[in-house]
């Protein structure tokens, strides 16, 4: 028997042909790059978010590259909206094979100035939405049987506190903990749950905190001495999403950070 070609081997490891991936927050910069990666590996991607202009544009980009995608409008903090997304997938006689929880917001408010409204809003989008989606889509994954993958987007600030982003850091630490707990609970059922912690990737939610002095501090602490590009998340995402390549990977938190977490003094 001849050995598979390099392309065939990579397809066997990372291919997502026939799979359906739901990307909540797929209308954002990082979420959009994740949509591109999953579609490029063969998955049918549901770009889920509230910004229809960005969502439809992402779908057109994916389709122009030969991929399969559709935009579905939903509020990540609304259980009914998320259940409607599940119903939509089921109505197409598809299974939910990959779920990416990528909705997020940030704030650079000094600690003593954080209001209850700001605290609650960030917790709602960054943490409550993850809990709701894991419940809603996790229930579908358990019901349909087989294997599935959940990828929760965390952050470096959930691993080590970063100045100026108190509420955001608290939510991302909770996301990592929730990821580990779910991985333990659902491993016997074939559902893998992992977290992805990006380093510094300029996007809408963090541009307001990237002041010149902060950028200088970040570069001093990043061995690769640059920001990340959204497409550089693709490798980690596909590892976590692909059943064969990531078959023994659950409860992990992978940092894609240019060496930030390896830096001490």
Foldseek 3Di string as FASTA:
>chain_A
DDDDDPVVVVLQQQADAQAEEEQAVCLWQLNLLQQLLNQVSHHEYEREEADVVSQVVSQVVSVVVVGHYDYQYADLLDLVRLLVVVVVCVVVVHAHAEYELDFAAFFLDDPVPDDPVNLVVRCSGLANSVVSNCVNNVVRDLVVADAHEYEYEAAVLLVPNDHRTVSNSVSRVVVLVVQLVVQVVCVVRRYAGEYEHEAADDIDRCPVVPDPVVLVVLLVLAPQSDGDRSNLCSVVSSCRRGCNNVVPDHSYYHYHHNCNVVGDD
